[in-house]
Amino acid sequence: MMGRLHNSTSESTLVENSERVKALARMLLVANPELAKKVRRALLCNDDDARRVIIEVIKFVWLTAESSEGRLVPSHRVDLAWHELILFTFA
């Protein structure tokens, strides 16, 4: 199990959270190569860019869940990748 993201802002916690997010994105894309293909096609990007935008999607979802400020708006690239993720049917 990867563990939970922590709310602390210490530098070590931020690094740990960053590594957890990267690991989650890597696991998601390795386990679901069709998702990676869909993100690459939607964003007209390569594998590295697809991985980076999935990392940003995960960060956005976490920030949205933790936000008490109301509605957050993703960047256009994150929004496109998010739509591919939510429309993707996991087998």
Protein backbone atom coordinates (compact mmCIF):
# COMPACT_ATOMS: atom_id res chain seq x y z
CA MET A 1 0.00 0.00 0.00
CA MET A 2 1.34 3.43 -0.88
CA GLY A 3 0.01 5.29 2.14
CA ARG A 4 -1.90 8.52 2.40
CA LEU A 5 -0.82 11.95 1.29
CA HIS A 6 -0.04 14.14 4.26
CA ASN A 7 -1.30 17.67 4.84
CA SER A 8 1.88 18.90 6.50
CA THR A 9 3.95 21.43 4.57
CA SER A 10 7.38 20.30 5.78
CA GLU A 11 9.89 19.83 2.98
CA SER A 12 10.33 16.12 3.69
CA THR A 13 6.55 15.57 3.62
CA LEU A 14 6.27 17.44 0.32
CA VAL A 15 8.99 15.24 -1.17
CA GLU A 16 7.29 12.09 0.16
CA ASN A 17 3.94 13.19 -1.27
CA SER A 18 5.54 14.00 -4.60
CA GLU A 19 7.10 10.55 -4.76
CA ARG A 20 3.77 8.92 -3.86
CA VAL A 21 1.99 10.83 -6.63
CA LYS A 22 4.66 9.86 -9.17
CA ALA A 23 4.46 6.21 -8.10
CA LEU A 24 0.66 6.24 -8.36
CA ALA A 25 0.80 7.76 -11.86
CA ARG A 26 3.42 5.21 -12.93
CA MET A 27 1.33 2.31 -11.57
CA LEU A 28 -1.82 3.63 -13.22
CA LEU A 29 -0.18 3.99 -16.63
CA VAL A 30 1.74 0.70 -16.51
CA ALA A 31 -1.37 -1.22 -15.49
CA ASN A 32 -3.49 0.57 -18.10
CA PRO A 33 -1.48 1.20 -21.29
CA GLU A 34 -4.67 2.05 -23.17
CA LEU A 35 -5.19 5.02 -20.82
CA ALA A 36 -1.70 6.26 -21.64
CA LYS A 37 -2.51 5.91 -25.34
CA LYS A 38 -5.75 7.88 -24.93
CA VAL A 39 -4.00 10.69 -23.03
CA ARG A 40 -1.22 10.86 -25.64
CA ARG A 41 -3.81 11.08 -28.41
CA ALA A 42 -5.95 13.71 -26.64
CA LEU A 43 -2.98 15.92 -25.82
CA LEU A 44 -0.89 15.13 -28.91
CA CYS A 45 2.05 14.33 -26.67
CA ASN A 46 4.69 11.67 -25.99
CA ASP A 47 4.89 9.12 -23.16
CA ASP A 48 6.82 11.43 -20.82
CA ASP A 49 4.33 14.26 -21.26
CA ALA A 50 1.41 11.86 -20.73
CA ARG A 51 2.99 10.67 -17.47
CA ARG A 52 3.58 14.25 -16.32
CA VAL A 53 0.01 15.33 -17.04
CA ILE A 54 -1.39 12.29 -15.19
CA ILE A 55 0.75 13.36 -12.23
CA GLU A 56 -0.85 16.81 -12.49
CA VAL A 57 -4.34 15.23 -12.66
CA ILE A 58 -3.66 13.33 -9.43
CA LYS A 59 -2.41 16.54 -7.77
CA PHE A 60 -5.48 18.43 -8.97
CA VAL A 61 -7.87 15.80 -7.63
CA TRP A 62 -6.11 15.84 -4.26
CA LEU A 63 -6.11 19.65 -4.09
CA THR A 64 -9.80 19.73 -4.99
CA ALA A 65 -10.62 17.21 -2.28
CA GLU A 66 -8.63 19.19 0.30
CA SER A 67 -9.80 22.66 -0.75
CA SER A 68 -12.09 24.61 1.52
CA GLU A 69 -11.97 27.56 -0.87
CA GLY A 70 -14.63 26.21 -3.16
CA ARG A 71 -14.22 25.38 -6.80
CA LEU A 72 -10.81 24.93 -8.44
CA VAL A 73 -10.26 25.08 -12.18
CA PRO A 74 -7.70 22.82 -13.86
CA SER A 75 -5.43 23.85 -16.71
CA HIS A 76 -6.61 22.91 -20.18
CA ARG A 77 -4.13 20.00 -20.39
CA VAL A 78 -5.15 18.65 -16.99
CA ASP A 79 -8.81 18.97 -17.95
CA LEU A 80 -8.26 16.98 -21.18
CA ALA A 81 -6.34 14.25 -19.34
CA TRP A 82 -8.92 14.19 -16.52
CA HIS A 83 -11.69 13.59 -19.07
CA GLU A 84 -9.74 10.70 -20.59
CA LEU A 85 -9.27 9.25 -17.11
CA ILE A 86 -12.92 9.49 -16.06
CA LEU A 87 -14.12 8.10 -19.39
CA PHE A 88 -11.65 5.22 -19.28
CA THR A 89 -13.25 1.92 -18.31
CA PHE A 90 -10.92 -0.12 -16.13
CA ALA A 91 -10.96 -3.84 -16.83
